[in-house]
N, C-alpha and C. Protein backbone atom coordinates (compact mmCIF):
# COMPACT_ATOMS: atom_id res chain seq x y z
N MET A 1 180.16 -22.76 203.65
CA MET A 1 179.75 -23.64 204.71
C MET A 1 180.89 -24.55 205.05
N SER A 2 180.92 -24.81 206.31
CA SER A 2 182.00 -25.70 206.75
C SER A 2 181.58 -27.14 206.56
N ASP A 3 182.58 -27.96 206.63
CA ASP A 3 182.33 -29.39 206.47
C ASP A 3 181.40 -29.90 207.57
N ALA A 4 181.55 -29.36 208.74
CA ALA A 4 180.74 -29.83 209.86
C ALA A 4 179.28 -29.44 209.65
N ALA A 5 179.06 -28.28 209.16
CA ALA A 5 177.70 -27.83 208.93
C ALA A 5 177.08 -28.61 207.79
N GLU A 6 177.88 -28.86 206.77
CA GLU A 6 177.39 -29.63 205.64
C GLU A 6 177.04 -31.07 206.08
N HIS A 7 177.83 -31.65 206.89
CA HIS A 7 177.62 -33.01 207.38
C HIS A 7 176.36 -33.06 208.24
N ALA A 8 176.12 -32.06 209.05
CA ALA A 8 174.95 -32.01 209.91
C ALA A 8 173.69 -31.88 209.07
N GLU A 9 173.79 -31.04 208.02
CA GLU A 9 172.64 -30.88 207.15
C GLU A 9 172.34 -32.17 206.41
N THR A 10 173.33 -32.86 205.93
CA THR A 10 173.16 -34.13 205.22
C THR A 10 172.59 -35.18 206.18
N GLY A 11 173.07 -35.15 207.41
CA GLY A 11 172.56 -36.11 208.41
C GLY A 11 171.09 -35.88 208.70
N ALA A 12 170.71 -34.60 208.74
CA ALA A 12 169.32 -34.27 209.02
C ALA A 12 168.43 -34.71 207.88
N GLU A 13 168.92 -34.50 206.66
CA GLU A 13 168.14 -34.94 205.50
C GLU A 13 167.99 -36.45 205.49
N ALA A 14 169.10 -37.14 205.79
CA ALA A 14 169.07 -38.60 205.82
C ALA A 14 168.08 -39.09 206.88
N GLU A 15 168.08 -38.37 207.99
CA GLU A 15 167.17 -38.78 209.06
C GLU A 15 165.73 -38.58 208.65
N ARG A 16 165.46 -37.46 207.99
CA ARG A 16 164.10 -37.21 207.52
C ARG A 16 163.68 -38.23 206.47
N SER A 17 164.57 -38.52 205.55
CA SER A 17 164.23 -39.51 204.52
C SER A 17 164.10 -40.90 205.15
N GLY A 18 164.83 -41.24 206.18
CA GLY A 18 164.71 -42.52 206.88
C GLY A 18 163.38 -42.63 207.59
N GLN A 19 162.97 -41.50 208.16
CA GLN A 19 161.67 -41.51 208.83
C GLN A 19 160.56 -41.68 207.80
N GLY A 20 160.74 -41.07 206.69
CA GLY A 20 159.75 -41.17 205.64
C GLY A 20 159.65 -42.59 205.13
N SER A 21 160.76 -43.24 204.90
CA SER A 21 160.72 -44.62 204.41
C SER A 21 160.27 -45.56 205.51
N ALA A 22 160.63 -45.28 206.74
CA ALA A 22 160.19 -46.14 207.85
C ALA A 22 158.69 -45.97 208.05
N GLY A 23 158.21 -44.76 207.92
CA GLY A 23 156.78 -44.51 208.03
C GLY A 23 156.02 -45.20 206.93
N GLY A 24 156.59 -45.21 205.73
CA GLY A 24 155.97 -45.89 204.59
C GLY A 24 155.95 -47.39 204.79
N ASP A 25 157.05 -47.91 205.35
CA ASP A 25 157.12 -49.35 205.63
C ASP A 25 156.10 -49.74 206.71
N LEU A 26 155.94 -48.90 207.71
CA LEU A 26 155.00 -49.15 208.79
C LEU A 26 153.57 -49.17 208.26
N ASP A 27 153.23 -48.21 207.41
CA ASP A 27 151.90 -48.17 206.81
C ASP A 27 151.66 -49.41 205.96
N SER A 28 152.69 -49.82 205.23
CA SER A 28 152.58 -51.01 204.38
C SER A 28 152.34 -52.26 205.25
N LEU A 29 153.07 -52.38 206.35
CA LEU A 29 152.89 -53.52 207.26
C LEU A 29 151.50 -53.52 207.89
N ARG A 30 151.02 -52.34 208.27
CA ARG A 30 149.67 -52.25 208.84
C ARG A 30 148.62 -52.67 207.83
N ALA A 31 148.82 -52.30 206.58
CA ALA A 31 147.88 -52.70 205.52
C ALA A 31 147.90 -54.21 205.33
N GLN A 32 149.11 -54.80 205.37
CA GLN A 32 149.22 -56.25 205.22
C GLN A 32 148.57 -56.98 206.39
N ILE A 33 148.78 -56.46 207.60
CA ILE A 33 148.15 -57.06 208.79
C ILE A 33 146.64 -56.97 208.67
N GLY A 34 146.13 -55.84 208.22
CA GLY A 34 144.68 -55.68 208.03
C GLY A 34 144.13 -56.68 207.03
N GLU A 35 144.87 -56.90 205.92
CA GLU A 35 144.44 -57.89 204.92
C GLU A 35 144.44 -59.30 205.51
N LYS A 36 145.50 -59.60 206.28
CA LYS A 36 145.60 -60.94 206.89
C LYS A 36 144.49 -61.16 207.91
N GLU A 37 144.18 -60.15 208.69
CA GLU A 37 143.09 -60.28 209.67
C GLU A 37 141.76 -60.50 208.96
N LYS A 38 141.57 -59.79 207.85
CA LYS A 38 140.35 -59.97 207.06
C LYS A 38 140.30 -61.40 206.50
N GLU A 39 141.43 -61.89 206.01
CA GLU A 39 141.50 -63.26 205.47
C GLU A 39 141.23 -64.29 206.56
N ILE A 40 141.80 -64.07 207.75
CA ILE A 40 141.56 -64.97 208.89
C ILE A 40 140.09 -64.99 209.25
N ALA A 41 139.45 -63.82 209.27
CA ALA A 41 138.03 -63.73 209.61
C ALA A 41 137.19 -64.49 208.57
N GLU A 42 137.55 -64.36 207.29
CA GLU A 42 136.83 -65.09 206.23
C GLU A 42 137.01 -66.60 206.39
N LEU A 43 138.24 -67.03 206.66
CA LEU A 43 138.51 -68.47 206.84
C LEU A 43 137.79 -69.02 208.07
N LYS A 44 137.77 -68.21 209.15
CA LYS A 44 137.07 -68.63 210.37
C LYS A 44 135.58 -68.79 210.08
N ASP A 45 135.03 -67.85 209.33
CA ASP A 45 133.61 -67.90 208.96
C ASP A 45 133.32 -69.15 208.13
N LYS A 46 134.20 -69.45 207.14
CA LYS A 46 134.03 -70.65 206.32
C LYS A 46 134.12 -71.91 207.17
N TYR A 47 135.08 -71.93 208.10
CA TYR A 47 135.23 -73.07 209.00
C TYR A 47 133.98 -73.30 209.83
N LEU A 48 133.46 -72.22 210.43
CA LEU A 48 132.26 -72.35 211.26
C LEU A 48 131.06 -72.80 210.44
N ARG A 49 130.93 -72.30 209.21
CA ARG A 49 129.83 -72.71 208.35
C ARG A 49 129.96 -74.20 207.99
N THR A 50 131.18 -74.63 207.65
CA THR A 50 131.43 -76.03 207.31
C THR A 50 131.14 -76.92 208.52
N LEU A 51 131.56 -76.50 209.69
CA LEU A 51 131.31 -77.25 210.91
C LEU A 51 129.81 -77.38 211.16
N ALA A 52 129.07 -76.30 210.98
CA ALA A 52 127.61 -76.32 211.17
C ALA A 52 126.95 -77.24 210.14
N GLU A 53 127.41 -77.16 208.88
CA GLU A 53 126.85 -78.04 207.84
C GLU A 53 127.13 -79.50 208.16
N SER A 54 128.33 -79.79 208.65
CA SER A 54 128.69 -81.16 209.02
C SER A 54 127.79 -81.67 210.15
N GLU A 55 127.57 -80.84 211.15
CA GLU A 55 126.71 -81.23 212.27
C GLU A 55 125.27 -81.44 211.80
N ASN A 56 124.79 -80.56 210.93
CA ASN A 56 123.44 -80.72 210.38
C ASN A 56 123.32 -82.00 209.57
N ALA A 57 124.35 -82.31 208.78
CA ALA A 57 124.33 -83.56 207.99
C ALA A 57 124.30 -84.76 208.91
N ARG A 58 125.09 -84.72 209.99
CA ARG A 58 125.09 -85.82 210.97
C ARG A 58 123.70 -86.01 211.58
N LYS A 59 123.08 -84.90 211.98
CA LYS A 59 121.73 -84.97 212.56
C LYS A 59 120.72 -85.52 211.55
N ARG A 60 120.82 -85.06 210.30
CA ARG A 60 119.91 -85.51 209.25
C ARG A 60 120.07 -87.01 209.00
N ILE A 61 121.31 -87.49 208.96
CA ILE A 61 121.57 -88.92 208.74
C ILE A 61 121.01 -89.73 209.90
N ARG A 62 121.21 -89.25 211.14
CA ARG A 62 120.70 -89.96 212.31
C ARG A 62 119.17 -90.03 212.28
N GLN A 63 118.53 -88.91 211.91
CA GLN A 63 117.06 -88.88 211.82
C GLN A 63 116.56 -89.83 210.73
N GLN A 64 117.24 -89.84 209.59
CA GLN A 64 116.84 -90.74 208.50
C GLN A 64 117.01 -92.19 208.92
N SER A 65 118.09 -92.49 209.63
CA SER A 65 118.34 -93.85 210.10
C SER A 65 117.25 -94.28 211.10
N GLU A 66 116.94 -93.39 212.04
CA GLU A 66 115.89 -93.70 213.02
C GLU A 66 114.55 -93.90 212.33
N GLU A 67 114.25 -93.09 211.34
CA GLU A 67 113.00 -93.20 210.60
C GLU A 67 112.95 -94.53 209.84
N SER A 68 114.06 -94.90 209.25
CA SER A 68 114.13 -96.17 208.51
C SER A 68 113.89 -97.35 209.45
N VAL A 69 114.52 -97.31 210.61
CA VAL A 69 114.33 -98.39 211.60
C VAL A 69 112.87 -98.43 212.05
N ARG A 70 112.27 -97.28 212.29
CA ARG A 70 110.87 -97.22 212.73
C ARG A 70 109.95 -97.83 211.66
N ILE A 71 110.18 -97.48 210.40
CA ILE A 71 109.35 -98.01 209.31
C ILE A 71 109.51 -99.52 209.19
N GLN A 72 110.74 -100.01 209.30
CA GLN A 72 110.98 -101.45 209.22
C GLN A 72 110.32 -102.18 210.39
N ARG A 73 110.44 -101.60 211.59
CA ARG A 73 109.83 -102.21 212.77
C ARG A 73 108.31 -102.29 212.61
N GLU A 74 107.71 -101.20 212.14
CA GLU A 74 106.26 -101.18 211.92
C GLU A 74 105.85 -102.24 210.91
N SER A 75 106.61 -102.39 209.85
CA SER A 75 106.30 -103.38 208.82
C SER A 75 106.33 -104.79 209.40
N ILE A 76 107.36 -105.08 210.17
CA ILE A 76 107.49 -106.41 210.78
C ILE A 76 106.33 -106.67 211.75
N LEU A 77 106.05 -105.69 212.58
CA LEU A 77 104.98 -105.87 213.56
C LEU A 77 103.62 -105.99 212.88
N ARG A 78 103.41 -105.25 211.80
CA ARG A 78 102.16 -105.35 211.05
C ARG A 78 101.98 -106.76 210.51
N ASP A 79 103.08 -107.38 210.05
CA ASP A 79 103.01 -108.75 209.53
C ASP A 79 102.75 -109.77 210.63
N LEU A 80 103.10 -109.44 211.87
CA LEU A 80 102.86 -110.36 212.99
C LEU A 80 101.41 -110.33 213.49
N LEU A 81 100.72 -109.25 213.27
CA LEU A 81 99.36 -109.09 213.81
C LEU A 81 98.40 -110.21 213.39
N PRO A 82 98.36 -110.65 212.12
CA PRO A 82 97.44 -111.74 211.77
C PRO A 82 97.77 -113.04 212.51
N ILE A 83 99.03 -113.26 212.80
CA ILE A 83 99.41 -114.47 213.54
C ILE A 83 98.88 -114.39 214.96
N ILE A 84 98.98 -113.22 215.57
CA ILE A 84 98.43 -113.03 216.92
C ILE A 84 96.91 -113.21 216.89
N ASP A 85 96.26 -112.68 215.85
CA ASP A 85 94.81 -112.85 215.72
C ASP A 85 94.44 -114.34 215.68
N ASN A 86 95.20 -115.14 214.93
CA ASN A 86 94.93 -116.58 214.84
C ASN A 86 95.11 -117.26 216.18
N LEU A 87 96.14 -116.89 216.93
CA LEU A 87 96.33 -117.48 218.25
C LEU A 87 95.19 -117.10 219.20
N GLU A 88 94.74 -115.85 219.12
CA GLU A 88 93.61 -115.44 219.96
C GLU A 88 92.35 -116.21 219.59
N ARG A 89 92.13 -116.48 218.29
CA ARG A 89 90.98 -117.28 217.87
C ARG A 89 91.10 -118.70 218.41
N ALA A 90 92.31 -119.25 218.40
CA ALA A 90 92.52 -120.61 218.92
C ALA A 90 92.20 -120.65 220.42
N LEU A 91 92.62 -119.64 221.15
CA LEU A 91 92.30 -119.59 222.58
C LEU A 91 90.80 -119.48 222.80
N ALA A 92 90.13 -118.65 222.02
CA ALA A 92 88.67 -118.50 222.16
C ALA A 92 87.98 -119.81 221.83
N ALA A 93 88.45 -120.53 220.82
CA ALA A 93 87.85 -121.81 220.46
C ALA A 93 88.06 -122.83 221.58
N ALA A 94 89.22 -122.81 222.20
CA ALA A 94 89.47 -123.74 223.30
C ALA A 94 88.56 -123.44 224.49
N ARG A 95 88.32 -122.16 224.77
CA ARG A 95 87.44 -121.78 225.88
C ARG A 95 85.99 -122.17 225.58
N ASP A 96 85.59 -122.12 224.30
CA ASP A 96 84.22 -122.43 223.91
C ASP A 96 83.97 -123.93 223.83
N GLY A 97 85.02 -124.72 224.01
CA GLY A 97 84.85 -126.17 223.96
C GLY A 97 84.80 -126.73 222.56
N THR A 98 85.41 -126.07 221.61
CA THR A 98 85.47 -126.55 220.23
C THR A 98 86.26 -127.85 220.19
N ASP A 99 85.99 -128.65 219.17
CA ASP A 99 86.67 -129.93 218.97
C ASP A 99 88.20 -129.74 219.07
N PRO A 100 88.88 -130.51 219.90
CA PRO A 100 90.34 -130.38 220.06
C PRO A 100 91.10 -130.52 218.75
N LYS A 101 90.64 -131.38 217.83
CA LYS A 101 91.34 -131.54 216.56
C LYS A 101 91.28 -130.25 215.76
N THR A 102 90.16 -129.55 215.80
CA THR A 102 90.03 -128.28 215.09
C THR A 102 90.99 -127.24 215.67
N ILE A 103 91.08 -127.23 217.00
CA ILE A 103 92.01 -126.29 217.65
C ILE A 103 93.44 -126.63 217.28
N LEU A 104 93.78 -127.91 217.32
CA LEU A 104 95.13 -128.36 216.97
C LEU A 104 95.46 -127.98 215.53
N ASP A 105 94.52 -128.19 214.62
CA ASP A 105 94.75 -127.81 213.21
C ASP A 105 94.98 -126.30 213.09
N GLY A 106 94.21 -125.52 213.82
CA GLY A 106 94.35 -124.06 213.79
C GLY A 106 95.70 -123.62 214.33
N VAL A 107 96.14 -124.22 215.42
CA VAL A 107 97.44 -123.86 216.00
C VAL A 107 98.57 -124.27 215.04
N GLN A 108 98.45 -125.44 214.41
CA GLN A 108 99.46 -125.87 213.44
C GLN A 108 99.54 -124.90 212.26
N MET A 109 98.39 -124.44 211.80
CA MET A 109 98.38 -123.46 210.70
C MET A 109 99.05 -122.16 211.15
N THR A 110 98.81 -121.77 212.39
CA THR A 110 99.41 -120.55 212.92
C THR A 110 100.93 -120.69 213.02
N VAL A 111 101.39 -121.85 213.47
CA VAL A 111 102.84 -122.10 213.54
C VAL A 111 103.45 -122.05 212.15
N ARG A 112 102.78 -122.63 211.17
CA ARG A 112 103.28 -122.57 209.79
C ARG A 112 103.33 -121.12 209.29
N ALA A 113 102.30 -120.34 209.64
CA ALA A 113 102.29 -118.92 209.23
C ALA A 113 103.46 -118.18 209.89
N LEU A 114 103.73 -118.48 211.13
CA LEU A 114 104.85 -117.83 211.82
C LEU A 114 106.19 -118.25 211.21
N LEU A 115 106.34 -119.52 210.88
CA LEU A 115 107.57 -119.98 210.22
C LEU A 115 107.73 -119.34 208.84
N ASP A 116 106.62 -119.18 208.13
CA ASP A 116 106.67 -118.48 206.82
C ASP A 116 107.11 -117.03 207.01
N PHE A 117 106.58 -116.40 208.05
CA PHE A 117 106.97 -115.02 208.37
C PHE A 117 108.47 -114.95 208.64
N LEU A 118 108.99 -115.88 209.45
CA LEU A 118 110.42 -115.89 209.77
C LEU A 118 111.26 -116.09 208.50
N ARG A 119 110.82 -117.01 207.64
CA ARG A 119 111.54 -117.25 206.38
C ARG A 119 111.57 -115.98 205.52
N ALA A 120 110.45 -115.27 205.50
CA ALA A 120 110.38 -114.02 204.73
C ALA A 120 111.36 -112.98 205.28
N GLN A 121 111.68 -113.07 206.57
CA GLN A 121 112.64 -112.16 207.20
C GLN A 121 114.07 -112.68 207.08
N GLY A 122 114.25 -113.84 206.44
CA GLY A 122 115.60 -114.40 206.26
C GLY A 122 116.05 -115.30 207.38
N VAL A 123 115.12 -115.69 208.26
CA VAL A 123 115.45 -116.55 209.39
C VAL A 123 115.19 -118.00 208.99
N THR A 124 116.18 -118.85 209.24
CA THR A 124 116.04 -120.28 208.92
C THR A 124 116.39 -121.11 210.14
N PRO A 125 115.78 -122.32 210.25
CA PRO A 125 116.13 -123.20 211.37
C PRO A 125 117.57 -123.68 211.23
N LEU A 126 118.20 -123.88 212.37
CA LEU A 126 119.57 -124.41 212.41
C LEU A 126 119.52 -125.93 212.49
N ALA A 127 120.49 -126.57 211.89
CA ALA A 127 120.64 -128.02 212.07
C ALA A 127 121.07 -128.25 213.51
N SER A 128 120.70 -129.37 214.07
CA SER A 128 121.05 -129.67 215.46
C SER A 128 122.55 -129.83 215.66
N VAL A 129 123.29 -129.86 214.55
CA VAL A 129 124.74 -129.98 214.65
C VAL A 129 125.31 -128.75 215.36
N ARG A 130 124.71 -127.59 215.12
CA ARG A 130 125.14 -126.37 215.81
C ARG A 130 124.22 -126.18 217.00
N HIS A 131 124.68 -126.64 218.15
CA HIS A 131 123.78 -126.67 219.30
C HIS A 131 124.51 -126.30 220.58
N GLU A 132 123.69 -126.19 221.62
CA GLU A 132 124.17 -125.97 222.97
C GLU A 132 123.60 -127.12 223.79
N ALA A 133 124.49 -127.95 224.33
CA ALA A 133 124.03 -129.10 225.13
C ALA A 133 123.60 -128.60 226.50
N VAL A 134 122.35 -128.87 226.86
CA VAL A 134 121.84 -128.42 228.17
C VAL A 134 121.60 -129.59 229.11
N ASP A 135 121.75 -130.82 228.58
CA ASP A 135 121.52 -132.01 229.40
C ASP A 135 122.31 -133.18 228.81
N HIS A 136 122.77 -134.09 229.67
CA HIS A 136 123.39 -135.34 229.25
C HIS A 136 122.52 -136.48 229.76
N VAL A 137 122.19 -137.40 228.86
CA VAL A 137 121.28 -138.48 229.20
C VAL A 137 121.99 -139.82 228.96
N GLU A 138 121.91 -140.72 229.95
CA GLU A 138 122.47 -142.05 229.74
C GLU A 138 121.63 -142.76 228.70
N SER A 139 122.30 -143.39 227.72
CA SER A 139 121.57 -144.05 226.66
C SER A 139 122.37 -145.21 226.09
N ASN A 140 121.70 -146.36 226.01
CA ASN A 140 122.30 -147.51 225.35
C ASN A 140 121.98 -147.49 223.86
N ALA A 141 120.94 -146.75 223.48
CA ALA A 141 120.47 -146.72 222.09
C ALA A 141 121.25 -145.75 221.22
N HIS A 142 121.97 -144.80 221.83
CA HIS A 142 122.70 -143.79 221.07
C HIS A 142 124.18 -143.81 221.44
N PRO A 143 125.04 -143.59 220.47
CA PRO A 143 126.47 -143.47 220.80
C PRO A 143 126.70 -142.24 221.67
N PRO A 144 127.74 -142.24 222.49
CA PRO A 144 128.02 -141.07 223.34
C PRO A 144 128.22 -139.81 222.49
N ASN A 145 127.84 -138.69 223.06
CA ASN A 145 127.99 -137.36 222.46
C ASN A 145 127.17 -137.15 221.19
N THR A 146 126.06 -137.86 221.05
CA THR A 146 125.15 -137.60 219.94
C THR A 146 123.87 -136.97 220.49
N VAL A 147 123.21 -136.18 219.67
CA VAL A 147 121.99 -135.49 220.09
C VAL A 147 120.87 -136.51 220.23
N VAL A 148 120.24 -136.50 221.40
CA VAL A 148 119.14 -137.41 221.69
C VAL A 148 117.80 -136.70 221.53
N ASP A 149 117.73 -135.46 222.00
CA ASP A 149 116.47 -134.73 221.97
C ASP A 149 116.77 -133.24 221.80
N GLU A 150 115.83 -132.53 221.18
CA GLU A 150 115.97 -131.09 220.98
C GLU A 150 114.89 -130.39 221.80
N PHE A 151 115.33 -129.56 222.78
CA PHE A 151 114.39 -128.83 223.62
C PHE A 151 113.88 -127.58 222.91
N HIS A 152 114.80 -126.85 222.27
CA HIS A 152 114.47 -125.62 221.54
C HIS A 152 115.19 -125.65 220.21
N ARG A 153 114.46 -125.39 219.15
CA ARG A 153 115.07 -125.34 217.83
C ARG A 153 115.93 -124.09 217.73
N GLY A 154 117.04 -124.21 217.05
CA GLY A 154 117.93 -123.07 216.84
C GLY A 154 117.57 -122.37 215.54
N TYR A 155 117.89 -121.07 215.47
CA TYR A 155 117.59 -120.28 214.27
C TYR A 155 118.78 -119.40 213.92
N GLN A 156 118.90 -119.12 212.63
CA GLN A 156 119.94 -118.22 212.15
C GLN A 156 119.35 -117.28 211.12
N ILE A 157 119.99 -116.14 210.97
CA ILE A 157 119.62 -115.19 209.92
C ILE A 157 120.90 -114.95 209.13
N GLY A 158 120.89 -115.39 207.89
CA GLY A 158 122.12 -115.36 207.10
C GLY A 158 123.11 -116.32 207.74
N GLU A 159 124.28 -115.82 208.06
CA GLU A 159 125.31 -116.64 208.70
C GLU A 159 125.34 -116.45 210.23
N ARG A 160 124.54 -115.52 210.73
CA ARG A 160 124.55 -115.22 212.17
C ARG A 160 123.53 -116.09 212.91
N ILE A 161 123.94 -116.63 214.02
CA ILE A 161 123.06 -117.46 214.84
C ILE A 161 122.23 -116.55 215.74
N LEU A 162 120.90 -116.68 215.63
CA LEU A 162 120.00 -115.94 216.53
C LEU A 162 119.92 -116.66 217.87
N ARG A 163 119.80 -118.00 217.78
CA ARG A 163 119.73 -118.82 218.98
C ARG A 163 120.21 -120.21 218.60
N PRO A 164 121.16 -120.79 219.36
CA PRO A 164 121.57 -122.16 219.04
C PRO A 164 120.48 -123.14 219.48
N ALA A 165 120.47 -124.30 218.85
CA ALA A 165 119.54 -125.34 219.28
C ALA A 165 119.95 -125.77 220.69
N ARG A 166 118.98 -126.01 221.55
CA ARG A 166 119.25 -126.50 222.91
C ARG A 166 118.84 -127.96 222.94
N VAL A 167 119.82 -128.82 223.23
CA VAL A 167 119.62 -130.25 223.06
C VAL A 167 120.09 -131.02 224.28
N SER A 168 119.63 -132.29 224.34
CA SER A 168 120.22 -133.23 225.30
C SER A 168 121.11 -134.17 224.49
N VAL A 169 122.22 -134.54 225.10
CA VAL A 169 123.23 -135.34 224.42
C VAL A 169 123.39 -136.66 225.16
N ALA A 170 123.59 -137.73 224.39
CA ALA A 170 123.76 -139.06 224.99
C ALA A 170 125.11 -139.15 225.68
N LYS A 171 125.11 -139.86 226.81
CA LYS A 171 126.37 -140.20 227.46
C LYS A 171 126.32 -141.69 227.76
N GLU A 172 127.46 -142.24 227.94
CA GLU A 172 127.56 -143.68 228.18
C GLU A 172 126.92 -144.02 229.52
N SER A 173 126.18 -145.10 229.54
CA SER A 173 125.55 -145.50 230.80
C SER A 173 126.63 -146.04 231.74
N ALA A 174 126.36 -146.00 233.04
CA ALA A 174 127.33 -146.43 234.04
C ALA A 174 127.68 -147.91 233.86
N SER A 175 126.70 -148.73 233.51
CA SER A 175 126.96 -150.17 233.35
C SER A 175 127.87 -150.41 232.14
N ASP A 176 127.65 -149.67 231.04
CA ASP A 176 128.52 -149.80 229.87
C ASP A 176 129.93 -149.35 230.19
N SER A 177 130.05 -148.30 230.97
CA SER A 177 131.36 -147.77 231.31
C SER A 177 132.15 -148.76 232.14
N SER A 178 131.48 -149.40 233.12
CA SER A 178 132.19 -150.36 233.98
C SER A 178 132.56 -151.61 233.19
N ARG A 179 131.70 -152.05 232.24
CA ARG A 179 132.04 -153.21 231.40
C ARG A 179 133.23 -152.88 230.51
N ARG A 180 133.27 -151.72 229.96
CA ARG A 180 134.34 -151.35 229.05
C ARG A 180 135.67 -151.26 229.81
N ASN A 181 135.63 -150.81 231.06
CA ASN A 181 136.85 -150.70 231.85
C ASN A 181 137.19 -152.00 232.56
N GLY A 182 136.47 -153.05 232.30
CA GLY A 182 136.75 -154.36 232.91
C GLY A 182 136.43 -154.40 234.38
N GLY A 183 135.49 -153.61 234.80
CA GLY A 183 135.08 -153.63 236.20
C GLY A 183 136.01 -152.86 237.11
N GLU A 184 136.97 -152.12 236.56
CA GLU A 184 137.92 -151.36 237.38
C GLU A 184 137.20 -150.35 238.25
N ASN A 185 136.18 -149.72 237.71
CA ASN A 185 135.45 -148.72 238.49
C ASN A 185 134.76 -149.35 239.68
N ASP A 186 134.22 -150.58 239.48
CA ASP A 186 133.54 -151.26 240.59
C ASP A 186 134.52 -151.54 241.71
N ASP A 187 135.74 -151.97 241.37
CA ASP A 187 136.74 -152.25 242.40
C ASP A 187 137.11 -150.96 243.12
N ALA A 188 137.26 -149.89 242.37
CA ALA A 188 137.62 -148.62 242.98
C ALA A 188 136.53 -148.17 243.93
N SER A 189 135.26 -148.40 243.55
CA SER A 189 134.17 -148.03 244.41
C SER A 189 134.18 -148.85 245.67
N ASP A 190 134.49 -150.15 245.55
CA ASP A 190 134.53 -151.01 246.74
C ASP A 190 135.63 -150.54 247.68
N ILE A 191 136.76 -150.14 247.13
CA ILE A 191 137.86 -149.68 247.98
C ILE A 191 137.45 -148.41 248.70
N GLU A 192 136.79 -147.50 247.98
CA GLU A 192 136.37 -146.24 248.59
C GLU A 192 135.36 -146.48 249.70
N LYS A 193 134.52 -147.52 249.52
CA LYS A 193 133.49 -147.80 250.54
C LYS A 193 134.12 -148.35 251.81
N ASN A 194 135.20 -149.12 251.69
CA ASN A 194 135.85 -149.74 252.87
C ASN A 194 136.70 -148.81 253.62
């Protein structure tokens, strides 16, 4: 055999063996891709299951929270019903012409029951120091900026204010103001009038 023929035969063998190894590598890669696709499908399934479980847990927590609020609301309202009954009895007694002192005593007892109910819920009256001034009243009997009267009592629950006290606050009377300023305001008024 000539060198050329020998070289051609060797080249053909090399080509066949290259195809064989390339074919083997291709099959191996296809098997790896198949395994990876299977792994991806399993991970996707786990992800979707976890997502569904998370959503179900969220719904369950929301339902439990709503149920808890409903039960608490019912309990509070149930405790208010006897107070409403007492007020209705007071109204009926007033319509029937019952002694006013008896009606007054009944209403006072009802107010005490309502205050006891509020205390049981953690609600306490606020001192007038924490207030909202809704009126200023001239007063010689009180120093300026002091509480003169309370229109609505304020309440708090814990440290949170439910409603501030609504009060009237003393202000200096016009005559006191002009005396303190030495009559300067009176002169200014006279100038403005002229």
